[in-house]
Amino acid sequence: MSLTTTILMLILGWLAVAAAMLWGVLRITRRHHYQPPQSAPGPKAEKTTGRPATAH
C-alpha cells in the first residue's frame, strides 16, 4: 500500500469518526431539547386537599 493511499485512508477514517460523533451529539441534543409549554395555563380554582368535606 502506497503512502498516498495510507494518508488518504487516515483522513477518510478521521472524517467518518468525526461525522459519526457529530451525528450522535445532534441526536442527543434534539432528543433532550427543552420545549416550552404550548399554551399558558389558565387561572385555576384553589386546590383542595383531596379529602371529602365532612359536615359536623
C-alpha atoms as a PDB file:
ATOM      1  CA  MET A   1       0.000   0.000   0.000  1.00  0.00           C
ATOM      2  CA  SER A   2       1.480   3.330  -1.008  1.00  0.00           C
ATOM      3  CA  LEU A   3       1.993   6.309   1.270  1.00  0.00           C
ATOM      4  CA  THR A   4      -0.665   8.325  -0.548  1.00  0.00           C
ATOM      5  CA  THR A   5      -3.283   5.600  -0.038  1.00  0.00           C
ATOM      6  CA  THR A   6      -2.389   5.311   3.649  1.00  0.00           C
ATOM      7  CA  ILE A   7      -2.718   9.063   4.233  1.00  0.00           C
ATOM      8  CA  LEU A   8      -5.981   9.182   2.283  1.00  0.00           C
ATOM      9  CA  MET A   9      -7.429   6.302   4.321  1.00  0.00           C
ATOM     10  CA  LEU A  10      -6.383   8.004   7.583  1.00  0.00           C
ATOM     11  CA  ILE A  11      -8.105  11.236   6.558  1.00  0.00           C
ATOM     12  CA  LEU A  12     -11.266   9.443   5.402  1.00  0.00           C
ATOM     13  CA  GLY A  13     -11.362   7.418   8.608  1.00  0.00           C
ATOM     14  CA  TRP A  14     -10.976  10.564  10.699  1.00  0.00           C
ATOM     15  CA  LEU A  15     -13.796  12.231   8.760  1.00  0.00           C
ATOM     16  CA  ALA A  16     -16.038   9.194   9.245  1.00  0.00           C
ATOM     17  CA  VAL A  17     -15.439   9.195  13.013  1.00  0.00           C
ATOM     18  CA  ALA A  18     -15.998  12.966  13.237  1.00  0.00           C
ATOM     19  CA  ALA A  19     -19.260  12.694  11.269  1.00  0.00           C
ATOM     20  CA  ALA A  20     -20.492   9.849  13.483  1.00  0.00           C
ATOM     21  CA  MET A  21     -19.720  11.797  16.665  1.00  0.00           C
ATOM     22  CA  LEU A  22     -21.427  14.918  15.310  1.00  0.00           C
ATOM     23  CA  TRP A  23     -24.491  12.882  14.340  1.00  0.00           C
ATOM     24  CA  GLY A  24     -24.634  11.383  17.845  1.00  0.00           C
ATOM     25  CA  VAL A  25     -24.343  14.751  19.569  1.00  0.00           C
ATOM     26  CA  LEU A  26     -27.027  16.273  17.361  1.00  0.00           C
ATOM     27  CA  ARG A  27     -29.301  13.300  18.017  1.00  0.00           C
ATOM     28  CA  ILE A  28     -28.883  13.639  21.777  1.00  0.00           C
ATOM     29  CA  THR A  29     -29.456  17.401  21.769  1.00  0.00           C
ATOM     30  CA  ARG A  30     -32.558  17.001  19.608  1.00  0.00           C
ATOM     31  CA  ARG A  31     -33.958  14.386  21.972  1.00  0.00           C
ATOM     32  CA  HIS A  32     -33.284  16.415  25.143  1.00  0.00           C
ATOM     33  CA  HIS A  33     -34.178  19.802  23.700  1.00  0.00           C
ATOM     34  CA  TYR A  34     -36.336  21.907  26.033  1.00  0.00           C
ATOM     35  CA  GLN A  35     -39.766  22.615  24.583  1.00  0.00           C
ATOM     36  CA  PRO A  36     -41.751  25.473  26.124  1.00  0.00           C
ATOM     37  CA  PRO A  37     -45.379  24.754  27.047  1.00  0.00           C
ATOM     38  CA  GLN A  38     -47.803  25.004  24.131  1.00  0.00           C
ATOM     39  CA  SER A  39     -50.143  27.439  25.875  1.00  0.00           C
ATOM     40  CA  ALA A  40     -50.135  29.253  29.163  1.00  0.00           C
ATOM     41  CA  PRO A  41     -52.329  27.567  31.782  1.00  0.00           C
ATOM     42  CA  GLY A  42     -55.483  29.469  32.666  1.00  0.00           C
ATOM     43  CA  PRO A  43     -56.385  30.576  36.173  1.00  0.00           C
ATOM     44  CA  LYS A  44     -57.435  27.675  38.336  1.00  0.00           C
ATOM     45  CA  ALA A  45     -59.569  27.452  41.428  1.00  0.00           C
ATOM     46  CA  GLU A  46     -57.836  26.820  44.723  1.00  0.00           C
ATOM     47  CA  LYS A  47     -56.509  23.335  45.078  1.00  0.00           C
ATOM     48  CA  THR A  48     -58.226  21.075  47.541  1.00  0.00           C
ATOM     49  CA  THR A  49     -56.507  18.510  49.674  1.00  0.00           C
ATOM     50  CA  GLY A  50     -58.440  15.712  48.034  1.00  0.00           C
ATOM     51  CA  ARG A  51     -60.388  14.795  51.188  1.00  0.00           C
ATOM     52  CA  PRO A  52     -64.159  14.990  51.055  1.00  0.00           C
ATOM     53  CA  ALA A  53     -65.793  17.699  53.097  1.00  0.00           C
ATOM     54  CA  THR A  54     -67.466  16.430  56.265  1.00  0.00           C
ATOM     55  CA  ALA A  55     -70.444  18.054  57.974  1.00  0.00           C
ATOM     56  CA  HIS A  56     -70.370  18.182  61.768  1.00  0.00           C
END
